[in-house]
Amino acid sequence: PPVKLVASPDVPYLWSLTTGLKGRVFVGSGDLGALYRVSRGKTSVVYQTESLGVYALSSMGKDVFFATAPEGQVFRFRKNKAKSIFVPREKYVWDLVATKQGLFVATGDPGLIYRVPVGGGDAEEWFNSSDVHVKVLEKESSGSFLVGTSGRGLLIRVKTKKQDPFVLFDAPRKEISAIATN
């Protein structure tokens, strides 16, 4: 199929991407730490952070969640306004997955996953990977999460907070940075 250029922000790095309502695309940039919106062929900065990069994005309903690093912070973007909803102790926020059960936040150094209530409230430590970073999260149709780590390069299945995680793959390299499911 043909490829069509839909946006070309003048930034050195584009780190993350998600889709929102009405076909809008949100993009997180590096070096300038901006959140971009692409809609109807137009690209605009909708929020400028004070951080170096917007490394993680996820959306659900009218909300777009994004996270910055270093000095990780998680924001909710709604109705053209961004609000900080979580500041973890960890320096890096690498990935986000928004679900009805909460916003799952993958962090680094150490590699933890937090669950942040979407409607507000206190975050809880949901999973400790015992690795340096949790780099990527993918929710399976069963409700389980696939977790990719950095340090030992593990692919882990986590069913719930109360069940034991299961290592599916111990990579020959030190990092799992992407997961694809069908």
C-alpha atoms as a PDB file:
ATOM      1  CA  PRO A   1       0.000   0.000   0.000  1.00  0.00           C
ATOM      2  CA  PRO A   2       1.129   3.561  -0.560  1.00  0.00           C
ATOM      3  CA  VAL A   3       2.703   5.514   2.281  1.00  0.00           C
ATOM      4  CA  LYS A   4       1.499   9.055   2.951  1.00  0.00           C
ATOM      5  CA  LEU A   5       3.335  11.613   5.067  1.00  0.00           C
ATOM      6  CA  VAL A   6       0.879  12.993   7.629  1.00  0.00           C
ATOM      7  CA  ALA A   7       3.202  14.996   9.874  1.00  0.00           C
ATOM      8  CA  SER A   8       6.789  16.140  10.063  1.00  0.00           C
ATOM      9  CA  PRO A   9       7.464  17.992  13.317  1.00  0.00           C
ATOM     10  CA  ASP A  10      10.778  19.830  13.293  1.00  0.00           C
ATOM     11  CA  VAL A  11      12.316  17.926  16.225  1.00  0.00           C
ATOM     12  CA  PRO A  12      15.288  15.547  16.450  1.00  0.00           C
ATOM     13  CA  TYR A  13      13.390  12.599  17.976  1.00  0.00           C
ATOM     14  CA  LEU A  14       9.871  11.219  18.092  1.00  0.00           C
ATOM     15  CA  TRP A  15       9.673   8.737  20.985  1.00  0.00           C
ATOM     16  CA  SER A  16       6.020   7.752  21.334  1.00  0.00           C
ATOM     17  CA  LEU A  17       2.711   7.651  19.506  1.00  0.00           C
ATOM     18  CA  THR A  18      -0.931   6.979  20.314  1.00  0.00           C
ATOM     19  CA  THR A  19      -4.301   7.615  18.741  1.00  0.00           C
ATOM     20  CA  GLY A  20      -7.118   9.522  20.398  1.00  0.00           C
ATOM     21  CA  LEU A  21     -10.724  10.324  19.632  1.00  0.00           C
ATOM     22  CA  LYS A  22     -11.770  11.455  16.155  1.00  0.00           C
ATOM     23  CA  GLY A  23      -8.665  10.012  14.514  1.00  0.00           C
ATOM     24  CA  ARG A  24      -6.289  12.378  16.238  1.00  0.00           C
ATOM     25  CA  VAL A  25      -2.734  11.198  16.637  1.00  0.00           C
ATOM     26  CA  PHE A  26      -0.586  12.268  19.588  1.00  0.00           C
ATOM     27  CA  VAL A  27       3.201  12.200  19.373  1.00  0.00           C
ATOM     28  CA  GLY A  28       5.814  12.583  22.119  1.00  0.00           C
ATOM     29  CA  SER A  29       9.073  14.257  21.165  1.00  0.00           C
ATOM     30  CA  GLY A  30      12.619  14.256  22.420  1.00  0.00           C
ATOM     31  CA  ASP A  31      15.073  17.020  23.180  1.00  0.00           C
ATOM     32  CA  LEU A  32      12.180  19.492  23.439  1.00  0.00           C
ATOM     33  CA  GLY A  33       9.818  17.361  25.560  1.00  0.00           C
ATOM     34  CA  ALA A  34       6.665  18.358  23.719  1.00  0.00           C
ATOM     35  CA  LEU A  35       3.332  16.637  23.179  1.00  0.00           C
ATOM     36  CA  TYR A  36       2.092  17.095  19.610  1.00  0.00           C
ATOM     37  CA  ARG A  37      -1.375  16.569  18.166  1.00  0.00           C
ATOM     38  CA  VAL A  38      -1.839  15.665  14.504  1.00  0.00           C
ATOM     39  CA  SER A  39      -5.360  16.273  13.248  1.00  0.00           C
ATOM     40  CA  ARG A  40      -6.678  16.879   9.734  1.00  0.00           C
ATOM     41  CA  GLY A  41      -3.155  17.222   8.365  1.00  0.00           C
ATOM     42  CA  LYS A  42      -2.117  19.868  10.896  1.00  0.00           C
ATOM     43  CA  THR A  43       0.529  19.390  13.590  1.00  0.00           C
ATOM     44  CA  SER A  44       0.545  21.494  16.737  1.00  0.00           C
ATOM     45  CA  VAL A  45       2.260  21.491  20.116  1.00  0.00           C
ATOM     46  CA  VAL A  46      -0.487  20.978  22.701  1.00  0.00           C
ATOM     47  CA  TYR A  47       1.756  20.836  25.762  1.00  0.00           C
ATOM     48  CA  GLN A  48       5.366  21.787  26.377  1.00  0.00           C
ATOM     49  CA  THR A  49       6.988  19.971  29.307  1.00  0.00           C
ATOM     50  CA  GLU A  50      10.070  21.008  31.241  1.00  0.00           C
ATOM     51  CA  SER A  51      11.649  17.611  30.591  1.00  0.00           C
ATOM     52  CA  LEU A  52      13.859  16.327  27.778  1.00  0.00           C
ATOM     53  CA  GLY A  53      11.367  13.881  26.326  1.00  0.00           C
ATOM     54  CA  VAL A  54       7.843  12.514  26.217  1.00  0.00           C
ATOM     55  CA  TYR A  55       8.683   8.810  26.149  1.00  0.00           C
ATOM     56  CA  ALA A  56       5.321   7.159  26.761  1.00  0.00           C
ATOM     57  CA  LEU A  57       1.750   7.717  25.576  1.00  0.00           C
ATOM     58  CA  SER A  58      -1.552   5.895  26.037  1.00  0.00           C
ATOM     59  CA  SER A  59      -5.148   6.917  25.503  1.00  0.00           C
ATOM     60  CA  MET A  60      -8.567   5.900  26.745  1.00  0.00           C
ATOM     61  CA  GLY A  61     -11.806   7.694  25.982  1.00  0.00           C
ATOM     62  CA  LYS A  62     -11.277  11.459  26.125  1.00  0.00           C
ATOM     63  CA  ASP A  63      -7.990  11.137  28.013  1.00  0.00           C
ATOM     64  CA  VAL A  64      -4.464  11.004  26.643  1.00  0.00           C
ATOM     65  CA  PHE A  65      -1.832  10.040  29.209  1.00  0.00           C
ATOM     66  CA  PHE A  66       1.818  10.912  28.688  1.00  0.00           C
ATOM     67  CA  ALA A  67       5.015  10.560  30.659  1.00  0.00           C
ATOM     68  CA  THR A  68       8.302  12.391  30.704  1.00  0.00           C
ATOM     69  CA  ALA A  69      11.875  11.376  31.443  1.00  0.00           C
ATOM     70  CA  PRO A  70      14.298  11.858  32.977  1.00  0.00           C
ATOM     71  CA  GLU A  71      12.699  12.943  36.225  1.00  0.00           C
ATOM     72  CA  GLY A  72       9.626  10.906  35.319  1.00  0.00           C
ATOM     73  CA  GLN A  73       6.200  12.423  35.655  1.00  0.00           C
ATOM     74  CA  VAL A  74       2.813  11.254  34.358  1.00  0.00           C
ATOM     75  CA  PHE A  75       0.201  13.664  32.989  1.00  0.00           C
ATOM     76  CA  ARG A  76      -3.412  13.426  31.851  1.00  0.00           C
ATOM     77  CA  PHE A  77      -4.288  15.580  28.835  1.00  0.00           C
ATOM     78  CA  ARG A  78      -7.982  16.389  28.461  1.00  0.00           C
ATOM     79  CA  LYS A  79      -9.814  19.320  26.890  1.00  0.00           C
ATOM     80  CA  ASN A  80      -6.534  20.936  25.847  1.00  0.00           C
ATOM     81  CA  LYS A  81      -5.151  20.964  29.394  1.00  0.00           C
ATOM     82  CA  ALA A  82      -2.471  18.799  30.980  1.00  0.00           C
ATOM     83  CA  LYS A  83      -2.469  17.885  34.656  1.00  0.00           C
ATOM     84  CA  SER A  84       0.219  15.992  36.563  1.00  0.00           C
ATOM     85  CA  ILE A  85      -1.356  12.863  38.078  1.00  0.00           C
ATOM     86  CA  PHE A  86       1.652  10.858  39.287  1.00  0.00           C
ATOM     87  CA  VAL A  87       5.315  11.433  40.104  1.00  0.00           C
ATOM     88  CA  PRO A  88       7.092   8.148  40.826  1.00  0.00           C
ATOM     89  CA  ARG A  89      10.247   7.880  42.913  1.00  0.00           C
ATOM     90  CA  GLU A  90      12.000   6.354  39.908  1.00  0.00           C
ATOM     91  CA  LYS A  91      13.801   8.563  37.413  1.00  0.00           C
ATOM     92  CA  TYR A  92      12.325   7.084  34.234  1.00  0.00           C
ATOM     93  CA  VAL A  93       8.817   6.337  33.007  1.00  0.00           C
ATOM     94  CA  TRP A  94       9.158   4.111  29.939  1.00  0.00           C
ATOM     95  CA  ASP A  95       5.637   2.970  29.064  1.00  0.00           C
ATOM     96  CA  LEU A  96       1.968   3.478  29.904  1.00  0.00           C
ATOM     97  CA  VAL A  97      -1.130   1.335  29.383  1.00  0.00           C
ATOM     98  CA  ALA A  98      -4.540   2.863  30.132  1.00  0.00           C
ATOM     99  CA  THR A  99      -7.286   0.414  31.141  1.00  0.00           C
ATOM    100  CA  LYS A 100     -10.567   0.572  33.047  1.00  0.00           C
ATOM    101  CA  GLN A 101      -8.676  -0.918  36.010  1.00  0.00           C
ATOM    102  CA  GLY A 102      -6.242   2.002  36.021  1.00  0.00           C
ATOM    103  CA  LEU A 103      -3.242   3.462  34.296  1.00  0.00           C
ATOM    104  CA  PHE A 104      -0.287   1.069  34.409  1.00  0.00           C
ATOM    105  CA  VAL A 105       3.054   2.876  34.576  1.00  0.00           C
ATOM    106  CA  ALA A 106       6.370   1.154  33.730  1.00  0.00           C
ATOM    107  CA  THR A 107       9.391   2.702  35.432  1.00  0.00           C
ATOM    108  CA  GLY A 108      13.103   2.373  35.564  1.00  0.00           C
ATOM    109  CA  ASP A 109      15.768   2.107  38.097  1.00  0.00           C
ATOM    110  CA  PRO A 110      14.271   0.088  39.648  1.00  0.00           C
ATOM    111  CA  GLY A 111      11.941  -1.680  37.229  1.00  0.00           C
ATOM    112  CA  LEU A 112       8.492  -1.373  38.767  1.00  0.00           C
ATOM    113  CA  ILE A 113       4.928  -1.163  37.479  1.00  0.00           C
ATOM    114  CA  TYR A 114       2.479   1.103  39.259  1.00  0.00           C
ATOM    115  CA  ARG A 115      -1.291   1.163  38.943  1.00  0.00           C
ATOM    116  CA  VAL A 116      -2.666   4.697  39.095  1.00  0.00           C
ATOM    117  CA  PRO A 117      -6.461   5.056  39.453  1.00  0.00           C
ATOM    118  CA  VAL A 118      -7.739   6.832  36.318  1.00  0.00           C
ATOM    119  CA  GLY A 119     -10.254   8.844  38.337  1.00  0.00           C
ATOM    120  CA  GLY A 120      -7.644   9.952  40.851  1.00  0.00           C
ATOM    121  CA  GLY A 121      -6.270   8.572  44.081  1.00  0.00           C
ATOM    122  CA  ASP A 122      -3.067   7.048  45.317  1.00  0.00           C
ATOM    123  CA  ALA A 123      -0.876   4.933  43.064  1.00  0.00           C
ATOM    124  CA  GLU A 124       0.045   1.426  44.164  1.00  0.00           C
ATOM    125  CA  GLU A 125       3.132  -0.596  43.366  1.00  0.00           C
ATOM    126  CA  TRP A 126       1.594  -3.355  41.247  1.00  0.00           C
ATOM    127  CA  PHE A 127       4.640  -5.383  40.143  1.00  0.00           C
ATOM    128  CA  ASN A 128       8.360  -5.458  40.942  1.00  0.00           C
ATOM    129  CA  SER A 129      10.325  -6.966  38.057  1.00  0.00           C
ATOM    130  CA  SER A 130      13.563  -7.350  40.065  1.00  0.00           C
ATOM    131  CA  ASP A 131      15.297  -5.850  37.035  1.00  0.00           C
ATOM    132  CA  VAL A 132      16.747  -2.409  36.367  1.00  0.00           C
ATOM    133  CA  HIS A 133      13.968  -1.143  34.052  1.00  0.00           C
ATOM    134  CA  VAL A 134      10.522  -2.177  32.862  1.00  0.00           C
ATOM    135  CA  LYS A 135      10.770  -0.860  29.304  1.00  0.00           C
ATOM    136  CA  VAL A 136       7.548  -2.052  27.710  1.00  0.00           C
ATOM    137  CA  LEU A 137       4.044  -3.225  28.663  1.00  0.00           C
ATOM    138  CA  GLU A 138       1.460  -4.906  26.467  1.00  0.00           C
ATOM    139  CA  LYS A 139      -1.985  -5.929  27.683  1.00  0.00           C
ATOM    140  CA  GLU A 140      -3.198  -9.240  26.322  1.00  0.00           C
ATOM    141  CA  SER A 141      -6.844  -9.945  25.485  1.00  0.00           C
ATOM    142  CA  SER A 142      -6.930 -12.293  28.512  1.00  0.00           C
ATOM    143  CA  GLY A 143      -6.212  -9.329  30.803  1.00  0.00           C
ATOM    144  CA  SER A 144      -2.651 -10.435  31.546  1.00  0.00           C
ATOM    145  CA  PHE A 145       0.289  -8.142  30.871  1.00  0.00           C
ATOM    146  CA  LEU A 146       3.417  -8.945  28.929  1.00  0.00           C
ATOM    147  CA  VAL A 147       6.359  -7.101  30.461  1.00  0.00           C
ATOM    148  CA  GLY A 148       9.722  -6.464  28.797  1.00  0.00           C
ATOM    149  CA  THR A 149      12.683  -5.587  31.001  1.00  0.00           C
ATOM    150  CA  SER A 150      16.111  -4.063  30.624  1.00  0.00           C
ATOM    151  CA  GLY A 151      19.104  -5.313  32.561  1.00  0.00           C
ATOM    152  CA  ARG A 152      18.496  -9.043  32.172  1.00  0.00           C
ATOM    153  CA  GLY A 153      16.250  -8.850  29.081  1.00  0.00           C
ATOM    154  CA  LEU A 154      13.239 -10.795  30.327  1.00  0.00           C
ATOM    155  CA  LEU A 155       9.795 -11.205  28.793  1.00  0.00           C
ATOM    156  CA  ILE A 156       7.422 -11.844  31.694  1.00  0.00           C
ATOM    157  CA  ARG A 157       3.699 -12.622  31.829  1.00  0.00           C
ATOM    158  CA  VAL A 158       1.928 -11.078  34.825  1.00  0.00           C
ATOM    159  CA  LYS A 159      -1.663 -12.213  35.314  1.00  0.00           C
ATOM    160  CA  THR A 160      -2.669 -10.225  38.390  1.00  0.00           C
ATOM    161  CA  LYS A 161      -0.943  -8.535  41.286  1.00  0.00           C
ATOM    162  CA  LYS A 162      -1.600 -11.553  43.507  1.00  0.00           C
ATOM    163  CA  GLN A 163      -0.377 -14.281  41.124  1.00  0.00           C
ATOM    164  CA  ASP A 164       3.213 -15.258  40.493  1.00  0.00           C
ATOM    165  CA  PRO A 165       4.749 -13.859  37.312  1.00  0.00           C
ATOM    166  CA  PHE A 166       6.078 -16.283  34.715  1.00  0.00           C
ATOM    167  CA  VAL A 167       9.219 -15.701  32.624  1.00  0.00           C
ATOM    168  CA  LEU A 168       8.366 -16.550  29.007  1.00  0.00           C
ATOM    169  CA  PHE A 169      11.720 -15.669  27.479  1.00  0.00           C
ATOM    170  CA  ASP A 170      15.203 -14.858  28.751  1.00  0.00           C
ATOM    171  CA  ALA A 171      16.757 -12.930  25.852  1.00  0.00           C
ATOM    172  CA  PRO A 172      20.412 -13.301  24.866  1.00  0.00           C
ATOM    173  CA  ARG A 173      20.565  -9.483  24.902  1.00  0.00           C
ATOM    174  CA  LYS A 174      20.005  -7.244  27.905  1.00  0.00           C
ATOM    175  CA  GLU A 175      16.756  -5.552  26.835  1.00  0.00           C
ATOM    176  CA  ILE A 176      13.257  -6.249  25.572  1.00  0.00           C
ATOM    177  CA  SER A 177      12.150  -2.899  24.134  1.00  0.00           C
ATOM    178  CA  ALA A 178       9.079  -3.853  22.071  1.00  0.00           C
ATOM    179  CA  ILE A 179       6.332  -6.469  22.229  1.00  0.00           C
ATOM    180  CA  ALA A 180       3.879  -7.332  19.454  1.00  0.00           C
ATOM    181  CA  THR A 181       0.747  -9.399  20.037  1.00  0.00           C
ATOM    182  CA  ASN A 182      -2.155 -10.348  17.824  1.00  0.00           C
END
